[in-house]
């Protein structure tokens, strides 16, 4: 799997997990502050789409994941 796909898989996983932990109706609810993490991930996705720079992609490249789009 290349960095482009892996960044989206990680972001989607983080969003779903933070919603599970942050929405009061969820069986795994911990705190509504987890929704701040959801906003953080969404903001980073928006920023990377506008600037074409993504920290997660850079980290993945450094650990040896194949670059690609």
PDB file of N, CA and C in Angstrom:
ATOM      1  N   UNK A   1       0.858  -1.166   0.000  1.00  0.00           N
ATOM      2  CA  UNK A   1       0.000   0.000   0.000  1.00  0.00           C
ATOM      3  C   UNK A   1       0.910   1.236   0.000  1.00  0.00           C
ATOM      4  N   UNK A   2       0.576   2.222  -0.816  1.00  0.00           N
ATOM      5  CA  UNK A   2       1.415   3.419  -0.889  1.00  0.00           C
ATOM      6  C   UNK A   2       0.944   4.479   0.119  1.00  0.00           C
ATOM      7  N   UNK A   3       1.740   5.555   0.239  1.00  0.00           N
ATOM      8  CA  UNK A   3       1.460   6.578   1.251  1.00  0.00           C
ATOM      9  C   UNK A   3       0.115   7.250   1.037  1.00  0.00           C
ATOM     10  N   UNK A   4      -0.245   7.497  -0.200  1.00  0.00           N
ATOM     11  CA  UNK A   4      -1.503   8.181  -0.503  1.00  0.00           C
ATOM     12  C   UNK A   4      -2.696   7.420   0.076  1.00  0.00           C
ATOM     13  N   UNK A   5      -2.740   6.129  -0.142  1.00  0.00           N
ATOM     14  CA  UNK A   5      -3.837   5.307   0.360  1.00  0.00           C
ATOM     15  C   UNK A   5      -3.762   5.134   1.870  1.00  0.00           C
ATOM     16  N   UNK A   6      -2.564   4.950   2.376  1.00  0.00           N
ATOM     17  CA  UNK A   6      -2.396   4.712   3.804  1.00  0.00           C
ATOM     18  C   UNK A   6      -2.781   5.938   4.639  1.00  0.00           C
ATOM     19  N   UNK A   7      -2.480   7.140   4.156  1.00  0.00           N
ATOM     20  CA  UNK A   7      -2.888   8.366   4.862  1.00  0.00           C
ATOM     21  C   UNK A   7      -4.402   8.404   4.997  1.00  0.00           C
ATOM     22  N   UNK A   8      -5.119   8.057   3.964  1.00  0.00           N
ATOM     23  CA  UNK A   8      -6.589   8.085   4.002  1.00  0.00           C
ATOM     24  C   UNK A   8      -7.152   6.995   4.908  1.00  0.00           C
ATOM     25  N   UNK A   9      -6.530   5.840   4.916  1.00  0.00           N
ATOM     26  CA  UNK A   9      -6.963   4.758   5.814  1.00  0.00           C
ATOM     27  C   UNK A   9      -6.751   5.168   7.275  1.00  0.00           C
ATOM     28  N   UNK A  10      -5.604   5.744   7.561  1.00  0.00           N
ATOM     29  CA  UNK A  10      -5.316   6.177   8.933  1.00  0.00           C
ATOM     30  C   UNK A  10      -6.262   7.293   9.352  1.00  0.00           C
ATOM     31  N   UNK A  11      -6.471   8.278   8.493  1.00  0.00           N
ATOM     32  CA  UNK A  11      -7.369   9.393   8.825  1.00  0.00           C
ATOM     33  C   UNK A  11      -8.796   8.890   9.054  1.00  0.00           C
ATOM     34  N   UNK A  12      -9.278   8.016   8.200  1.00  0.00           N
ATOM     35  CA  UNK A  12     -10.622   7.466   8.370  1.00  0.00           C
ATOM     36  C   UNK A  12     -10.759   6.678   9.657  1.00  0.00           C
ATOM     37  N   UNK A  13      -9.732   5.917   9.990  1.00  0.00           N
ATOM     38  CA  UNK A  13      -9.738   5.149  11.239  1.00  0.00           C
ATOM     39  C   UNK A  13      -9.756   6.080  12.444  1.00  0.00           C
ATOM     40  N   UNK A  14      -8.928   7.129  12.408  1.00  0.00           N
ATOM     41  CA  UNK A  14      -8.896   8.090  13.516  1.00  0.00           C
ATOM     42  C   UNK A  14     -10.245   8.781  13.691  1.00  0.00           C
ATOM     43  N   UNK A  15     -10.877   9.157  12.590  1.00  0.00           N
ATOM     44  CA  UNK A  15     -12.168   9.840  12.670  1.00  0.00           C
ATOM     45  C   UNK A  15     -13.231   8.922  13.248  1.00  0.00           C
ATOM     46  N   UNK A  16     -13.309   7.703  12.752  1.00  0.00           N
ATOM     47  CA  UNK A  16     -14.319   6.769  13.272  1.00  0.00           C
ATOM     48  C   UNK A  16     -14.078   6.436  14.735  1.00  0.00           C
ATOM     49  N   UNK A  17     -12.823   6.234  15.113  1.00  0.00           N
ATOM     50  CA  UNK A  17     -12.502   5.927  16.503  1.00  0.00           C
ATOM     51  C   UNK A  17     -12.836   7.098  17.425  1.00  0.00           C
ATOM     52  N   UNK A  18     -12.485   8.310  17.004  1.00  0.00           N
ATOM     53  CA  UNK A  18     -12.769   9.465  17.854  1.00  0.00           C
ATOM     54  C   UNK A  18     -14.270   9.735  17.957  1.00  0.00           C
ATOM     55  N   UNK A  19     -15.026   9.416  16.932  1.00  0.00           N
ATOM     56  CA  UNK A  19     -16.486   9.543  17.026  1.00  0.00           C
ATOM     57  C   UNK A  19     -17.059   8.494  17.973  1.00  0.00           C
ATOM     58  N   UNK A  20     -16.532   7.280  17.911  1.00  0.00           N
ATOM     59  CA  UNK A  20     -16.975   6.245  18.850  1.00  0.00           C
ATOM     60  C   UNK A  20     -16.719   6.649  20.302  1.00  0.00           C
ATOM     61  N   UNK A  21     -15.593   7.310  20.537  1.00  0.00           N
ATOM     62  CA  UNK A  21     -15.229   7.695  21.891  1.00  0.00           C
ATOM     63  C   UNK A  21     -15.822   9.034  22.327  1.00  0.00           C
ATOM     64  N   UNK A  22     -16.329   9.833  21.372  1.00  0.00           N
ATOM     65  CA  UNK A  22     -16.766  11.179  21.705  1.00  0.00           C
ATOM     66  C   UNK A  22     -18.239  11.493  21.575  1.00  0.00           C
ATOM     67  N   UNK A  23     -19.016  10.625  20.961  1.00  0.00           N
ATOM     68  CA  UNK A  23     -20.456  10.878  20.793  1.00  0.00           C
ATOM     69  C   UNK A  23     -21.206  10.238  21.962  1.00  0.00           C
ATOM     70  N   UNK A  24     -21.994  11.035  22.699  1.00  0.00           N
ATOM     71  CA  UNK A  24     -22.662  10.512  23.901  1.00  0.00           C
ATOM     72  C   UNK A  24     -23.516   9.259  23.687  1.00  0.00           C
ATOM     73  N   UNK A  25     -24.079   9.042  22.536  1.00  0.00           N
ATOM     74  CA  UNK A  25     -24.907   7.862  22.297  1.00  0.00           C
ATOM     75  C   UNK A  25     -24.123   6.598  22.001  1.00  0.00           C
ATOM     76  N   UNK A  26     -22.820   6.709  21.870  1.00  0.00           N
ATOM     77  CA  UNK A  26     -21.987   5.563  21.527  1.00  0.00           C
ATOM     78  C   UNK A  26     -21.792   4.644  22.733  1.00  0.00           C
ATOM     79  N   UNK A  27     -21.744   3.331  22.479  1.00  0.00           N
ATOM     80  CA  UNK A  27     -21.497   2.404  23.593  1.00  0.00           C
ATOM     81  C   UNK A  27     -20.078   2.517  24.160  1.00  0.00           C
ATOM     82  N   UNK A  28     -19.163   3.135  23.430  1.00  0.00           N
ATOM     83  CA  UNK A  28     -17.779   3.301  23.890  1.00  0.00           C
ATOM     84  C   UNK A  28     -17.484   4.734  24.329  1.00  0.00           C
ATOM     85  N   UNK A  29     -18.530   5.509  24.599  1.00  0.00           N
ATOM     86  CA  UNK A  29     -18.372   6.925  24.949  1.00  0.00           C
ATOM     87  C   UNK A  29     -17.430   7.109  26.141  1.00  0.00           C
ATOM     88  N   UNK A  30     -16.481   8.040  25.993  1.00  0.00           N
ATOM     89  CA  UNK A  30     -15.545   8.368  27.068  1.00  0.00           C
ATOM     90  C   UNK A  30     -15.715   9.831  27.470  1.00  0.00           C
ATOM     91  N   UNK A  31     -15.611  10.728  26.476  1.00  0.00           N
ATOM     92  CA  UNK A  31     -15.688  12.160  26.738  1.00  0.00           C
ATOM     93  C   UNK A  31     -16.030  12.888  25.441  1.00  0.00           C
ATOM     94  N   UNK A  32     -16.809  13.962  25.522  1.00  0.00           N
ATOM     95  CA  UNK A  32     -17.086  14.728  24.300  1.00  0.00           C
ATOM     96  C   UNK A  32     -15.844  15.423  23.740  1.00  0.00           C
ATOM     97  N   UNK A  33     -14.784  15.488  24.520  1.00  0.00           N
ATOM     98  CA  UNK A  33     -13.549  16.106  24.038  1.00  0.00           C
ATOM     99  C   UNK A  33     -12.899  15.322  22.907  1.00  0.00           C
ATOM    100  N   UNK A  34     -13.288  14.080  22.715  1.00  0.00           N
ATOM    101  CA  UNK A  34     -12.763  13.304  21.582  1.00  0.00           C
ATOM    102  C   UNK A  34     -13.198  13.910  20.255  1.00  0.00           C
ATOM    103  N   UNK A  35     -14.273  14.685  20.252  1.00  0.00           N
ATOM    104  CA  UNK A  35     -14.709  15.341  19.018  1.00  0.00           C
ATOM    105  C   UNK A  35     -13.704  16.396  18.576  1.00  0.00           C
ATOM    106  N   UNK A  36     -12.917  16.922  19.513  1.00  0.00           N
ATOM    107  CA  UNK A  36     -11.846  17.852  19.148  1.00  0.00           C
ATOM    108  C   UNK A  36     -10.801  17.140  18.290  1.00  0.00           C
ATOM    109  N   UNK A  37     -10.540  15.875  18.581  1.00  0.00           N
ATOM    110  CA  UNK A  37      -9.602  15.102  17.764  1.00  0.00           C
ATOM    111  C   UNK A  37     -10.164  14.894  16.362  1.00  0.00           C
ATOM    112  N   UNK A  38     -11.473  14.666  16.276  1.00  0.00           N
ATOM    113  CA  UNK A  38     -12.124  14.548  14.966  1.00  0.00           C
ATOM    114  C   UNK A  38     -11.908  15.831  14.164  1.00  0.00           C
ATOM    115  N   UNK A  39     -12.105  16.979  14.812  1.00  0.00           N
ATOM    116  CA  UNK A  39     -11.905  18.268  14.143  1.00  0.00           C
ATOM    117  C   UNK A  39     -10.443  18.450  13.736  1.00  0.00           C
ATOM    118  N   UNK A  40      -9.516  18.004  14.562  1.00  0.00           N
ATOM    119  CA  UNK A  40      -8.092  18.103  14.257  1.00  0.00           C
ATOM    120  C   UNK A  40      -7.742  17.304  12.998  1.00  0.00           C
ATOM    121  N   UNK A  41      -8.235  16.087  12.915  1.00  0.00           N
ATOM    122  CA  UNK A  41      -7.958  15.244  11.742  1.00  0.00           C
ATOM    123  C   UNK A  41      -8.586  15.865  10.492  1.00  0.00           C
ATOM    124  N   UNK A  42      -9.814  16.333  10.608  1.00  0.00           N
ATOM    125  CA  UNK A  42     -10.478  16.975   9.469  1.00  0.00           C
ATOM    126  C   UNK A  42      -9.744  18.218   9.007  1.00  0.00           C
ATOM    127  N   UNK A  43      -9.259  19.010   9.954  1.00  0.00           N
ATOM    128  CA  UNK A  43      -8.503  20.217   9.620  1.00  0.00           C
ATOM    129  C   UNK A  43      -7.206  19.861   8.901  1.00  0.00           C
ATOM    130  N   UNK A  44      -6.550  18.813   9.345  1.00  0.00           N
ATOM    131  CA  UNK A  44      -5.320  18.385   8.673  1.00  0.00           C
ATOM    132  C   UNK A  44      -5.590  17.871   7.268  1.00  0.00           C
ATOM    133  N   UNK A  45      -6.699  17.176   7.076  1.00  0.00           N
ATOM    134  CA  UNK A  45      -7.055  16.726   5.724  1.00  0.00           C
ATOM    135  C   UNK A  45      -7.321  17.919   4.807  1.00  0.00           C
ATOM    136  N   UNK A  46      -8.028  18.920   5.319  1.00  0.00           N
ATOM    137  CA  UNK A  46      -8.302  20.128   4.541  1.00  0.00           C
ATOM    138  C   UNK A  46      -7.003  20.849   4.200  1.00  0.00           C
ATOM    139  N   UNK A  47      -6.148  21.015   5.200  1.00  0.00           N
ATOM    140  CA  UNK A  47      -4.867  21.693   4.992  1.00  0.00           C
ATOM    141  C   UNK A  47      -4.018  20.966   3.956  1.00  0.00           C
ATOM    142  N   UNK A  48      -3.964  19.643   4.037  1.00  0.00           N
ATOM    143  CA  UNK A  48      -3.135  18.896   3.076  1.00  0.00           C
ATOM    144  C   UNK A  48      -3.717  18.976   1.667  1.00  0.00           C
ATOM    145  N   UNK A  49      -5.028  19.056   1.565  1.00  0.00           N
ATOM    146  CA  UNK A  49      -5.646  19.199   0.254  1.00  0.00           C
ATOM    147  C   UNK A  49      -5.362  20.551  -0.383  1.00  0.00           C
ATOM    148  N   UNK A  50      -5.271  21.586   0.450  1.00  0.00           N
ATOM    149  CA  UNK A  50      -5.029  22.934  -0.070  1.00  0.00           C
ATOM    150  C   UNK A  50      -3.553  23.219  -0.325  1.00  0.00           C
ATOM    151  N   UNK A  51      -2.673  22.655   0.492  1.00  0.00           N
ATOM    152  CA  UNK A  51      -1.250  22.987   0.389  1.00  0.00           C
ATOM    153  C   UNK A  51      -0.409  21.896  -0.269  1.00  0.00           C
ATOM    154  N   UNK A  52      -0.984  20.724  -0.456  1.00  0.00           N
ATOM    155  CA  UNK A  52      -0.258  19.568  -1.007  1.00  0.00           C
ATOM    156  C   UNK A  52       0.896  19.118  -0.108  1.00  0.00           C
ATOM    157  N   UNK A  53       0.812  19.383   1.194  1.00  0.00           N
ATOM    158  CA  UNK A  53       1.808  18.942   2.159  1.00  0.00           C
ATOM    159  C   UNK A  53       1.106  18.232   3.298  1.00  0.00           C
ATOM    160  N   UNK A  54       1.553  17.026   3.624  1.00  0.00           N
ATOM    161  CA  UNK A  54       0.909  16.225   4.654  1.00  0.00           C
ATOM    162  C   UNK A  54       1.974  15.635   5.570  1.00  0.00           C
ATOM    163  N   UNK A  55       1.897  15.952   6.848  1.00  0.00           N
ATOM    164  CA  UNK A  55       2.873  15.449   7.809  1.00  0.00           C
ATOM    165  C   UNK A  55       2.828  13.926   7.908  1.00  0.00           C
ATOM    166  N   UNK A  56       1.641  13.343   7.917  1.00  0.00           N
ATOM    167  CA  UNK A  56       1.529  11.888   8.019  1.00  0.00           C
ATOM    168  C   UNK A  56       2.206  11.205   6.829  1.00  0.00           C
ATOM    169  N   UNK A  57       2.041  11.765   5.644  1.00  0.00           N
ATOM    170  CA  UNK A  57       2.683  11.188   4.464  1.00  0.00           C
ATOM    171  C   UNK A  57       4.206  11.257   4.594  1.00  0.00           C
ATOM    172  N   UNK A  58       4.687  12.348   5.137  1.00  0.00           N
ATOM    173  CA  UNK A  58       6.127  12.500   5.341  1.00  0.00           C
ATOM    174  C   UNK A  58       6.650  11.464   6.345  1.00  0.00           C
ATOM    175  N   UNK A  59       5.898  11.259   7.423  1.00  0.00           N
ATOM    176  CA  UNK A  59       6.279  10.268   8.428  1.00  0.00           C
ATOM    177  C   UNK A  59       6.299   8.870   7.812  1.00  0.00           C
ATOM    178  N   UNK A  60       5.280   8.554   7.028  1.00  0.00           N
ATOM    179  CA  UNK A  60       5.204   7.236   6.401  1.00  0.00           C
ATOM    180  C   UNK A  60       6.371   7.000   5.441  1.00  0.00           C
ATOM    181  N   UNK A  61       6.757   8.029   4.703  1.00  0.00           N
ATOM    182  CA  UNK A  61       7.904   7.898   3.790  1.00  0.00           C
ATOM    183  C   UNK A  61       9.184   7.617   4.558  1.00  0.00           C
ATOM    184  N   UNK A  62       9.340   8.280   5.703  1.00  0.00           N
ATOM    185  CA  UNK A  62      10.556   8.082   6.504  1.00  0.00           C
ATOM    186  C   UNK A  62      10.660   6.682   7.070  1.00  0.00           C
ATOM    187  N   UNK A  63       9.503   6.028   7.321  1.00  0.00           N
ATOM    188  CA  UNK A  63       9.574   4.671   7.859  1.00  0.00           C
ATOM    189  C   UNK A  63       9.598   3.623   6.740  1.00  0.00           C
ATOM    190  N   UNK A  64       9.635   4.110   5.489  1.00  0.00           N
ATOM    191  CA  UNK A  64       9.861   3.187   4.376  1.00  0.00           C
ATOM    192  C   UNK A  64       8.660   2.802   3.556  1.00  0.00           C
ATOM    193  N   UNK A  65       7.524   3.453   3.742  1.00  0.00           N
ATOM    194  CA  UNK A  65       6.348   3.151   2.916  1.00  0.00           C
ATOM    195  C   UNK A  65       6.561   3.747   1.528  1.00  0.00           C
ATOM    196  N   UNK A  66       6.173   2.989   0.526  1.00  0.00           N
ATOM    197  CA  UNK A  66       6.342   3.399  -0.871  1.00  0.00           C
ATOM    198  C   UNK A  66       5.510   4.639  -1.179  1.00  0.00           C
ATOM    199  N   UNK A  67       6.154   5.713  -1.694  1.00  0.00           N
ATOM    200  CA  UNK A  67       5.383   6.902  -2.072  1.00  0.00           C
ATOM    201  C   UNK A  67       4.534   6.617  -3.303  1.00  0.00           C
ATOM    202  N   UNK A  68       3.464   7.354  -3.451  1.00  0.00           N
ATOM    203  CA  UNK A  68       2.633   7.192  -4.628  1.00  0.00           C
ATOM    204  C   UNK A  68       1.307   7.881  -4.476  1.00  0.00           C
ATOM    205  N   UNK A  69       0.607   7.991  -5.614  1.00  0.00           N
ATOM    206  CA  UNK A  69      -0.709   8.625  -5.580  1.00  0.00           C
ATOM    207  C   UNK A  69      -1.706   7.885  -6.400  1.00  0.00           C
TER     208      UNK A  69
END
